[in-house]
C-alpha atoms as a PDB file:
ATOM      1  CA  MET A   1      56.604  43.209  14.282  1.00  0.00           C
ATOM      2  CA  SER A   2      55.539  41.068  11.178  1.00  0.00           C
ATOM      3  CA  LEU A   3      53.889  42.592   8.115  1.00  0.00           C
ATOM      4  CA  ARG A   4      50.834  40.416   8.364  1.00  0.00           C
ATOM      5  CA  PRO A   5      49.094  42.013  11.475  1.00  0.00           C
ATOM      6  CA  LEU A   6      49.872  45.533  10.080  1.00  0.00           C
ATOM      7  CA  VAL A   7      48.131  44.594   6.798  1.00  0.00           C
ATOM      8  CA  LEU A   8      45.159  43.079   8.486  1.00  0.00           C
ATOM      9  CA  LEU A   9      44.885  46.195  10.817  1.00  0.00           C
ATOM     10  CA  SER A  10      45.026  48.498   7.711  1.00  0.00           C
ATOM     11  CA  LEU A  11      42.317  46.351   6.007  1.00  0.00           C
ATOM     12  CA  VAL A  12      39.919  46.535   8.984  1.00  0.00           C
ATOM     13  CA  GLY A  13      40.441  50.216   9.223  1.00  0.00           C
ATOM     14  CA  LEU A  14      39.531  50.667   5.635  1.00  0.00           C
ATOM     15  CA  LEU A  15      36.507  48.636   5.913  1.00  0.00           C
ATOM     16  CA  VAL A  16      35.335  50.608   8.918  1.00  0.00           C
ATOM     17  CA  ALA A  17      35.914  53.862   7.047  1.00  0.00           C
ATOM     18  CA  CYS A  18      33.897  52.752   3.973  1.00  0.00           C
ATOM     19  CA  SER A  19      30.985  51.367   6.030  1.00  0.00           C
ATOM     20  CA  SER A  20      30.114  54.690   7.701  1.00  0.00           C
ATOM     21  CA  GLU A  21      27.567  56.812   6.194  1.00  0.00           C
ATOM     22  CA  PRO A  22      28.588  59.424   3.622  1.00  0.00           C
ATOM     23  CA  PRO A  23      28.709  63.000   4.896  1.00  0.00           C
ATOM     24  CA  LYS A  24      25.772  65.073   4.245  1.00  0.00           C
ATOM     25  CA  PRO A  25      26.245  67.795   1.741  1.00  0.00           C
ATOM     26  CA  VAL A  26      26.556  71.276   3.330  1.00  0.00           C
ATOM     27  CA  ALA A  27      24.062  73.824   1.993  1.00  0.00           C
ATOM     28  CA  ALA A  28      25.552  76.541  -0.148  1.00  0.00           C
ATOM     29  CA  LYS A  29      26.463  79.639   1.633  1.00  0.00           C
ATOM     30  CA  SER A  30      24.303  81.850  -0.722  1.00  0.00           C
ATOM     31  CA  GLN A  31      21.313  79.695   0.337  1.00  0.00           C
ATOM     32  CA  ALA A  32      22.034  80.181   4.038  1.00  0.00           C
ATOM     33  CA  THR A  33      22.145  83.904   3.591  1.00  0.00           C
ATOM     34  CA  GLN A  34      18.923  84.134   1.674  1.00  0.00           C
ATOM     35  CA  VAL A  35      16.949  83.555   5.000  1.00  0.00           C
ATOM     36  CA  ILE A  36      14.896  86.748   5.525  1.00  0.00           C
ATOM     37  CA  LYS A  37      13.113  87.310   8.798  1.00  0.00           C
ATOM     38  CA  THR A  38       9.443  87.606   8.062  1.00  0.00           C
ATOM     39  CA  PRO A  39       6.658  88.710  10.408  1.00  0.00           C
ATOM     40  CA  ALA A  40       5.653  85.052  10.866  1.00  0.00           C
ATOM     41  CA  SER A  41       9.333  83.934  11.793  1.00  0.00           C
ATOM     42  CA  LEU A  42       9.640  86.690  14.479  1.00  0.00           C
ATOM     43  CA  GLY A  43       6.664  85.510  16.504  1.00  0.00           C
ATOM     44  CA  PRO A  44       4.249  87.693  18.342  1.00  0.00           C
ATOM     45  CA  LEU A  45       5.392  90.938  19.777  1.00  0.00           C
ATOM     46  CA  LEU A  46       6.237  90.509  23.517  1.00  0.00           C
ATOM     47  CA  PRO A  47       4.708  92.931  26.132  1.00  0.00           C
ATOM     48  CA  TYR A  48       8.007  94.729  26.712  1.00  0.00           C
ATOM     49  CA  GLN A  49       8.804  95.192  23.049  1.00  0.00           C
ATOM     50  CA  ARG A  50       7.931  97.809  20.335  1.00  0.00           C
ATOM     51  CA  GLU A  51       8.584  97.653  16.833  1.00  0.00           C
ATOM     52  CA  LEU A  52       9.281  99.742  13.738  1.00  0.00           C
ATOM     53  CA  SER A  53       8.006  98.151  10.409  1.00  0.00           C
ATOM     54  CA  GLY A  54       7.750  99.251   6.773  1.00  0.00           C
ATOM     55  CA  GLN A  55       9.077  98.442   3.297  1.00  0.00           C
ATOM     56  CA  LEU A  56      12.634  99.055   1.981  1.00  0.00           C
ATOM     57  CA  LEU A  57      12.619 100.285  -1.636  1.00  0.00           C
ATOM     58  CA  GLY A  58      15.530 100.252  -4.086  1.00  0.00           C
ATOM     59  CA  VAL A  59      17.499  97.302  -2.663  1.00  0.00           C
ATOM     60  CA  PRO A  60      19.183  95.063  -5.280  1.00  0.00           C
ATOM     61  CA  ALA A  61      18.900  91.207  -5.175  1.00  0.00           C
ATOM     62  CA  GLY A  62      21.604  89.724  -2.936  1.00  0.00           C
ATOM     63  CA  ALA A  63      22.610  92.999  -1.134  1.00  0.00           C
ATOM     64  CA  GLU A  64      23.015  92.763   2.613  1.00  0.00           C
ATOM     65  CA  VAL A  65      21.028  95.285   4.374  1.00  0.00           C
ATOM     66  CA  GLU A  66      21.591  96.483   7.885  1.00  0.00           C
ATOM     67  CA  LEU A  67      19.026  98.548   9.746  1.00  0.00           C
ATOM     68  CA  ALA A  68      19.966 100.177  13.214  1.00  0.00           C
ATOM     69  CA  LEU A  69      18.082 102.245  15.818  1.00  0.00           C
ATOM     70  CA  LEU A  70      20.690 104.431  17.094  1.00  0.00           C
ATOM     71  CA  LEU A  71      21.086 107.127  19.757  1.00  0.00           C
ATOM     72  CA  ILE A  72      22.704 110.202  18.147  1.00  0.00           C
ATOM     73  CA  ASP A  73      24.633 112.975  19.887  1.00  0.00           C
ATOM     74  CA  GLU A  74      24.469 116.705  19.072  1.00  0.00           C
ATOM     75  CA  ARG A  75      27.141 116.290  16.451  1.00  0.00           C
ATOM     76  CA  SER A  76      25.086 113.564  14.584  1.00  0.00           C
ATOM     77  CA  ARG A  77      27.333 110.806  15.677  1.00  0.00           C
ATOM     78  CA  PRO A  78      25.952 107.474  16.744  1.00  0.00           C
ATOM     79  CA  GLN A  79      26.564 106.990  20.602  1.00  0.00           C
ATOM     80  CA  ARG A  80      24.591 103.674  21.263  1.00  0.00           C
ATOM     81  CA  LEU A  81      22.998 100.929  19.459  1.00  0.00           C
ATOM     82  CA  LEU A  82      19.297 100.350  20.579  1.00  0.00           C
ATOM     83  CA  ALA A  83      18.465  97.723  18.118  1.00  0.00           C
ATOM     84  CA  SER A  84      19.589  96.249  14.696  1.00  0.00           C
ATOM     85  CA  THR A  85      18.537  93.683  12.087  1.00  0.00           C
ATOM     86  CA  LYS A  86      20.062  92.386   8.931  1.00  0.00           C
ATOM     87  CA  LEU A  87      18.112  91.378   5.635  1.00  0.00           C
ATOM     88  CA  ILE A  88      18.959  90.185   2.225  1.00  0.00           C
ATOM     89  CA  GLY A  89      17.733  92.364  -0.795  1.00  0.00           C
ATOM     90  CA  ASN A  90      15.311  90.725  -3.316  1.00  0.00           C
ATOM     91  CA  ASN A  91      15.144  93.476  -5.848  1.00  0.00           C
ATOM     92  CA  GLN A  92      11.590  94.082  -4.773  1.00  0.00           C
ATOM     93  CA  SER A  93       9.941  95.945  -1.855  1.00  0.00           C
ATOM     94  CA  LEU A  94      11.590  94.361   1.108  1.00  0.00           C
ATOM     95  CA  PRO A  95       9.500  94.296   4.453  1.00  0.00           C
ATOM     96  CA  PHE A  96      11.311  94.845   7.699  1.00  0.00           C
ATOM     97  CA  GLN A  97      10.562  94.755  11.275  1.00  0.00           C
ATOM     98  CA  LEU A  98      12.924  96.152  14.043  1.00  0.00           C
ATOM     99  CA  ARG A  99      11.985  95.183  17.546  1.00  0.00           C
ATOM    100  CA  PHE A 100      13.310  97.268  20.470  1.00  0.00           C
ATOM    101  CA  ASN A 101      12.765  97.743  24.241  1.00  0.00           C
ATOM    102  CA  PRO A 102      11.117 101.138  24.870  1.00  0.00           C
ATOM    103  CA  GLU A 103      12.887 101.281  28.326  1.00  0.00           C
ATOM    104  CA  SER A 104      16.275 101.631  26.389  1.00  0.00           C
ATOM    105  CA  PHE A 105      14.798 104.592  24.563  1.00  0.00           C
ATOM    106  CA  PRO A 106      16.126 107.608  26.388  1.00  0.00           C
ATOM    107  CA  ALA A 107      13.528 110.453  27.118  1.00  0.00           C
ATOM    108  CA  GLY A 108      14.347 113.777  25.289  1.00  0.00           C
ATOM    109  CA  ALA A 109      17.268 112.189  23.385  1.00  0.00           C
ATOM    110  CA  ARG A 110      17.640 112.149  19.516  1.00  0.00           C
ATOM    111  CA  VAL A 111      17.113 108.589  18.122  1.00  0.00           C
ATOM    112  CA  GLU A 112      17.309 107.727  14.437  1.00  0.00           C
ATOM    113  CA  LEU A 113      16.708 104.805  12.134  1.00  0.00           C
ATOM    114  CA  ARG A 114      19.681 104.336   9.721  1.00  0.00           C
ATOM    115  CA  GLY A 115      20.416 101.837   7.136  1.00  0.00           C
ATOM    116  CA  ARG A 116      23.036 100.736   4.676  1.00  0.00           C
ATOM    117  CA  ALA A 117      23.236  98.182   1.854  1.00  0.00           C
ATOM    118  CA  SER A 118      26.453  96.380   0.709  1.00  0.00           C
ATOM    119  CA  GLN A 119      27.336  93.870  -1.851  1.00  0.00           C
ATOM    120  CA  SER A 120      30.460  91.978  -1.803  1.00  0.00           C
ATOM    121  CA  GLY A 121      31.551  94.030   1.361  1.00  0.00           C
ATOM    122  CA  GLN A 122      31.265  97.273  -0.498  1.00  0.00           C
ATOM    123  CA  LEU A 123      28.715 100.063   0.705  1.00  0.00           C
ATOM    124  CA  THR A 124      26.551 100.666  -2.285  1.00  0.00           C
ATOM    125  CA  LEU A 125      23.300 102.298  -0.822  1.00  0.00           C
ATOM    126  CA  HIS A 126      22.294 104.028   2.368  1.00  0.00           C
ATOM    127  CA  LEU A 127      19.014 104.993   3.977  1.00  0.00           C
ATOM    128  CA  PRO A 128      18.766 108.774   4.818  1.00  0.00           C
ATOM    129  CA  SER A 129      18.269 109.052   8.450  1.00  0.00           C
ATOM    130  CA  VAL A 130      14.712 108.817   9.875  1.00  0.00           C
ATOM    131  CA  ARG A 131      14.260 110.396  13.229  1.00  0.00           C
ATOM    132  CA  ILE A 132      12.123 108.656  15.786  1.00  0.00           C
ATOM    133  CA  ASN A 133      10.476 110.689  18.329  1.00  0.00           C
ATOM    134  CA  GLU A 134       8.461 108.217  20.300  1.00  0.00           C
ATOM    135  CA  ALA A 135       9.219 104.733  21.711  1.00  0.00           C
ATOM    136  CA  THR A 136       5.949 103.336  20.187  1.00  0.00           C
ATOM    137  CA  THR A 137       5.138 100.759  17.688  1.00  0.00           C
ATOM    138  CA  GLN A 138       5.089 102.395  14.314  1.00  0.00           C
ATOM    139  CA  ALA A 139       4.505 101.687  10.754  1.00  0.00           C
ATOM    140  CA  MET A 140       7.161 103.734   8.754  1.00  0.00           C
ATOM    141  CA  GLY A 141       5.784 102.913   5.409  1.00  0.00           C
ATOM    142  CA  PRO A 142       7.956 102.839   2.337  1.00  0.00           C
ATOM    143  CA  LEU A 143      11.595 103.905   2.871  1.00  0.00           C
ATOM    144  CA  GLN A 144      13.804 104.517  -0.231  1.00  0.00           C
ATOM    145  CA  PHE A 145      17.559 103.621  -0.261  1.00  0.00           C
ATOM    146  CA  VAL A 146      19.603 106.164  -2.251  1.00  0.00           C
ATOM    147  CA  PRO A 147      23.191 105.631  -3.639  1.00  0.00           C
ATOM    148  CA  ALA A 148      26.029 105.925  -1.016  1.00  0.00           C
ATOM    149  CA  PRO A 149      28.424 108.946  -1.325  1.00  0.00           C
END
């Protein structure tokens, strides 16, 4: 094989590569994690859903907050996850909505709302357990995070 067809093929390949559109810049990861579900982004409450809502206090900016509605046994151990959500702290009062199916809420069982906040993968704050007695839509009001042990 002569050198001329190889050079020509390489030149055509280079022209094709240069003529394509430049790749679109990828948004920084920190911007992608700043998305916080607000009441407007969740949409209307469906007929089979109930929700817990309120304000989380004491969460620093950038902290990842996880809220969970858990079925708890007699030894205070979580047995089943009923609902959960993740939010990003903003160093202000952080609104939350946690939707759940009331049919998954066992009658007579102990159900608690628990939360934790972490920064850079390290647990920094936690929400003292809040007992949920009824499978109804409830406004929890302000809930204060405290330093993790």
